[in-house]
Amino acid sequence: MASSTGFGYYTTGQTWYVPATAQNLDAVRTWSLVKALLSGGDVEYLFMDRSVQTLLREHAEAAGDDPEWLQRLFRSRVQRDALVRHTWGHRTHFHVRFHSPRACATARHLYPRLKANGMI
């Protein structure tokens, strides 16, 4: 079981929910948020537009983040099953899917009952 939460990118200027670009993305703050989410554990996937991934990866590389970790994090020709995945329409925001061991255990426990009652 998983749950998903949406986040807006940090951008410069006074508007919100605008497409993130090289001109307006606050890469320092956005990358800090992404890193905090990833290091907090239980992140199954992070969905964002490929163009924003490129900007954040460039920032992370310039900031000295571990290149091997970044290689595993972002999809490439070498790394196809990456944690950060492209999803169309995610230039204004990104989604984080969290894995919940407790929700998985509850689902396994309730499945036979739900099935017996014709609910699934």
C-alpha atoms as a PDB file:
ATOM      1  CA  MET A   1       0.000   0.000   0.000  1.00  0.00           C
ATOM      2  CA  ALA A   2       1.160   3.489  -0.700  1.00  0.00           C
ATOM      3  CA  SER A   3      -0.012   7.022  -0.322  1.00  0.00           C
ATOM      4  CA  SER A   4       0.869   9.966  -2.513  1.00  0.00           C
ATOM      5  CA  THR A   5       1.380  13.609  -1.622  1.00  0.00           C
ATOM      6  CA  GLY A   6       1.901  16.564  -3.960  1.00  0.00           C
ATOM      7  CA  PHE A   7       4.391  19.404  -3.494  1.00  0.00           C
ATOM      8  CA  GLY A   8       4.939  22.603  -5.445  1.00  0.00           C
ATOM      9  CA  TYR A   9       8.419  23.540  -6.617  1.00  0.00           C
ATOM     10  CA  TYR A  10      10.115  26.507  -5.002  1.00  0.00           C
ATOM     11  CA  THR A  11      10.293  29.220  -7.627  1.00  0.00           C
ATOM     12  CA  THR A  12      11.381  32.830  -7.662  1.00  0.00           C
ATOM     13  CA  GLY A  13       8.816  35.569  -8.002  1.00  0.00           C
ATOM     14  CA  GLN A  14       5.419  36.080  -6.439  1.00  0.00           C
ATOM     15  CA  THR A  15       3.398  33.485  -8.319  1.00  0.00           C
ATOM     16  CA  TRP A  16       2.800  29.905  -7.341  1.00  0.00           C
ATOM     17  CA  TYR A  17       2.025  26.765  -9.321  1.00  0.00           C
ATOM     18  CA  VAL A  18       3.940  27.907 -12.401  1.00  0.00           C
ATOM     19  CA  PRO A  19       6.020  25.607 -14.605  1.00  0.00           C
ATOM     20  CA  ALA A  20       9.531  25.293 -13.199  1.00  0.00           C
ATOM     21  CA  THR A  21      12.213  26.480 -15.615  1.00  0.00           C
ATOM     22  CA  ALA A  22      15.926  27.265 -15.481  1.00  0.00           C
ATOM     23  CA  GLN A  23      14.957  30.930 -15.074  1.00  0.00           C
ATOM     24  CA  ASN A  24      12.584  30.574 -12.109  1.00  0.00           C
ATOM     25  CA  LEU A  25      13.358  27.331 -10.251  1.00  0.00           C
ATOM     26  CA  ASP A  26      14.855  27.849  -6.807  1.00  0.00           C
ATOM     27  CA  ALA A  27      17.007  24.750  -7.128  1.00  0.00           C
ATOM     28  CA  VAL A  28      18.631  25.167  -3.704  1.00  0.00           C
ATOM     29  CA  ARG A  29      15.345  25.090  -1.801  1.00  0.00           C
ATOM     30  CA  THR A  30      13.654  22.520  -4.060  1.00  0.00           C
ATOM     31  CA  TRP A  31      16.639  20.154  -3.906  1.00  0.00           C
ATOM     32  CA  SER A  32      16.757  20.557  -0.115  1.00  0.00           C
ATOM     33  CA  LEU A  33      13.101  19.517   0.092  1.00  0.00           C
ATOM     34  CA  VAL A  34      13.609  16.552  -2.247  1.00  0.00           C
ATOM     35  CA  LYS A  35      16.691  15.397  -0.301  1.00  0.00           C
ATOM     36  CA  ALA A  36      14.835  15.698   3.016  1.00  0.00           C
ATOM     37  CA  LEU A  37      11.952  13.611   1.673  1.00  0.00           C
ATOM     38  CA  LEU A  38      14.303  10.962   0.305  1.00  0.00           C
ATOM     39  CA  SER A  39      16.390  10.740   3.449  1.00  0.00           C
ATOM     40  CA  GLY A  40      13.287  10.525   5.637  1.00  0.00           C
ATOM     41  CA  GLY A  41      12.702   6.997   4.361  1.00  0.00           C
ATOM     42  CA  ASP A  42       9.653   5.192   3.056  1.00  0.00           C
ATOM     43  CA  VAL A  43       9.695   6.992  -0.322  1.00  0.00           C
ATOM     44  CA  GLU A  44       8.716   4.507  -2.997  1.00  0.00           C
ATOM     45  CA  TYR A  45       8.821   6.893  -5.990  1.00  0.00           C
ATOM     46  CA  LEU A  46       9.035  10.579  -6.734  1.00  0.00           C
ATOM     47  CA  PHE A  47       7.256  11.773  -9.891  1.00  0.00           C
ATOM     48  CA  MET A  48       8.402  14.935 -11.676  1.00  0.00           C
ATOM     49  CA  ASP A  49       8.904  16.204 -15.186  1.00  0.00           C
ATOM     50  CA  ARG A  50      12.186  15.215 -16.812  1.00  0.00           C
ATOM     51  CA  SER A  51      13.087  18.865 -17.476  1.00  0.00           C
ATOM     52  CA  VAL A  52      12.941  19.636 -13.746  1.00  0.00           C
ATOM     53  CA  GLN A  53      14.885  16.472 -12.941  1.00  0.00           C
ATOM     54  CA  THR A  54      17.663  17.725 -15.215  1.00  0.00           C
ATOM     55  CA  LEU A  55      17.797  21.080 -13.423  1.00  0.00           C
ATOM     56  CA  LEU A  56      17.868  19.471  -9.983  1.00  0.00           C
ATOM     57  CA  ARG A  57      20.470  16.915 -10.968  1.00  0.00           C
ATOM     58  CA  GLU A  58      22.723  19.639 -12.375  1.00  0.00           C
ATOM     59  CA  HIS A  59      22.342  21.585  -9.137  1.00  0.00           C
ATOM     60  CA  ALA A  60      23.046  18.483  -7.008  1.00  0.00           C
ATOM     61  CA  GLU A  61      26.167  17.659  -9.016  1.00  0.00           C
ATOM     62  CA  ALA A  62      27.439  21.238  -8.695  1.00  0.00           C
ATOM     63  CA  ALA A  63      26.698  21.149  -4.947  1.00  0.00           C
ATOM     64  CA  GLY A  64      28.894  18.059  -4.585  1.00  0.00           C
ATOM     65  CA  ASP A  65      26.294  15.370  -3.932  1.00  0.00           C
ATOM     66  CA  ASP A  66      27.517  11.808  -4.387  1.00  0.00           C
ATOM     67  CA  PRO A  67      27.543  11.024  -8.148  1.00  0.00           C
ATOM     68  CA  GLU A  68      26.791   7.325  -7.571  1.00  0.00           C
ATOM     69  CA  TRP A  69      23.744   8.179  -5.469  1.00  0.00           C
ATOM     70  CA  LEU A  70      22.530  10.635  -8.097  1.00  0.00           C
ATOM     71  CA  GLN A  71      23.024   7.974 -10.792  1.00  0.00           C
ATOM     72  CA  ARG A  72      20.735   5.598  -8.869  1.00  0.00           C
ATOM     73  CA  LEU A  73      18.239   8.357  -8.105  1.00  0.00           C
ATOM     74  CA  PHE A  74      17.602   9.716 -11.609  1.00  0.00           C
ATOM     75  CA  ARG A  75      16.667   7.654 -14.649  1.00  0.00           C
ATOM     76  CA  SER A  76      19.261   7.366 -17.382  1.00  0.00           C
ATOM     77  CA  ARG A  77      20.310   4.922 -20.084  1.00  0.00           C
ATOM     78  CA  VAL A  78      22.141   2.997 -17.370  1.00  0.00           C
ATOM     79  CA  GLN A  79      19.590   3.393 -14.557  1.00  0.00           C
ATOM     80  CA  ARG A  80      16.099   2.564 -15.836  1.00  0.00           C
ATOM     81  CA  ASP A  81      14.450   1.692 -12.512  1.00  0.00           C
ATOM     82  CA  ALA A  82      15.162   4.990 -10.774  1.00  0.00           C
ATOM     83  CA  LEU A  83      13.462   6.388  -7.704  1.00  0.00           C
ATOM     84  CA  VAL A  84      12.732   9.730  -9.417  1.00  0.00           C
ATOM     85  CA  ARG A  85      10.515   9.120 -12.438  1.00  0.00           C
ATOM     86  CA  HIS A  86       9.234  11.264 -15.270  1.00  0.00           C
ATOM     87  CA  THR A  87       5.531  11.958 -15.318  1.00  0.00           C
ATOM     88  CA  TRP A  88       3.971  14.251 -17.892  1.00  0.00           C
ATOM     89  CA  GLY A  89       2.258  17.317 -16.452  1.00  0.00           C
ATOM     90  CA  HIS A  90       4.576  17.614 -13.475  1.00  0.00           C
ATOM     91  CA  ARG A  91       6.423  20.823 -14.339  1.00  0.00           C
ATOM     92  CA  THR A  92       4.397  22.792 -11.760  1.00  0.00           C
ATOM     93  CA  HIS A  93       4.548  20.252  -8.929  1.00  0.00           C
ATOM     94  CA  PHE A  94       5.791  16.806  -8.015  1.00  0.00           C
ATOM     95  CA  HIS A  95       4.302  13.841  -6.235  1.00  0.00           C
ATOM     96  CA  VAL A  96       5.892  11.589  -3.676  1.00  0.00           C
ATOM     97  CA  ARG A  97       4.587   8.064  -3.203  1.00  0.00           C
ATOM     98  CA  PHE A  98       5.309   6.757   0.276  1.00  0.00           C
ATOM     99  CA  HIS A  99       5.451   3.061   1.055  1.00  0.00           C
ATOM    100  CA  SER A 100       3.695   2.145   4.276  1.00  0.00           C
ATOM    101  CA  PRO A 101       4.554  -1.215   5.868  1.00  0.00           C
ATOM    102  CA  ARG A 102       1.653  -0.772   8.307  1.00  0.00           C
ATOM    103  CA  ALA A 103      -0.818  -0.240   5.440  1.00  0.00           C
ATOM    104  CA  CYS A 104       0.555  -3.341   3.666  1.00  0.00           C
ATOM    105  CA  ALA A 105       0.099  -5.471   6.798  1.00  0.00           C
ATOM    106  CA  THR A 106      -3.457  -4.163   7.262  1.00  0.00           C
ATOM    107  CA  ALA A 107      -4.315  -4.927   3.636  1.00  0.00           C
ATOM    108  CA  ARG A 108      -3.000  -8.493   3.918  1.00  0.00           C
ATOM    109  CA  HIS A 109      -5.020  -8.949   7.103  1.00  0.00           C
ATOM    110  CA  LEU A 110      -8.283  -7.540   5.696  1.00  0.00           C
ATOM    111  CA  TYR A 111      -8.137  -9.018   2.181  1.00  0.00           C
ATOM    112  CA  PRO A 112      -9.753 -12.396   3.049  1.00  0.00           C
ATOM    113  CA  ARG A 113     -12.627 -10.662   4.860  1.00  0.00           C
ATOM    114  CA  LEU A 114     -13.238  -8.188   2.083  1.00  0.00           C
ATOM    115  CA  LYS A 115     -13.172 -10.942  -0.517  1.00  0.00           C
ATOM    116  CA  ALA A 116     -15.531 -13.166   1.513  1.00  0.00           C
ATOM    117  CA  ASN A 117     -18.018 -10.285   1.733  1.00  0.00           C
ATOM    118  CA  GLY A 118     -17.845  -9.596  -2.018  1.00  0.00           C
ATOM    119  CA  MET A 119     -16.244  -6.229  -1.501  1.00  0.00           C
ATOM    120  CA  ILE A 120     -13.356  -6.971  -3.876  1.00  0.00           C
END
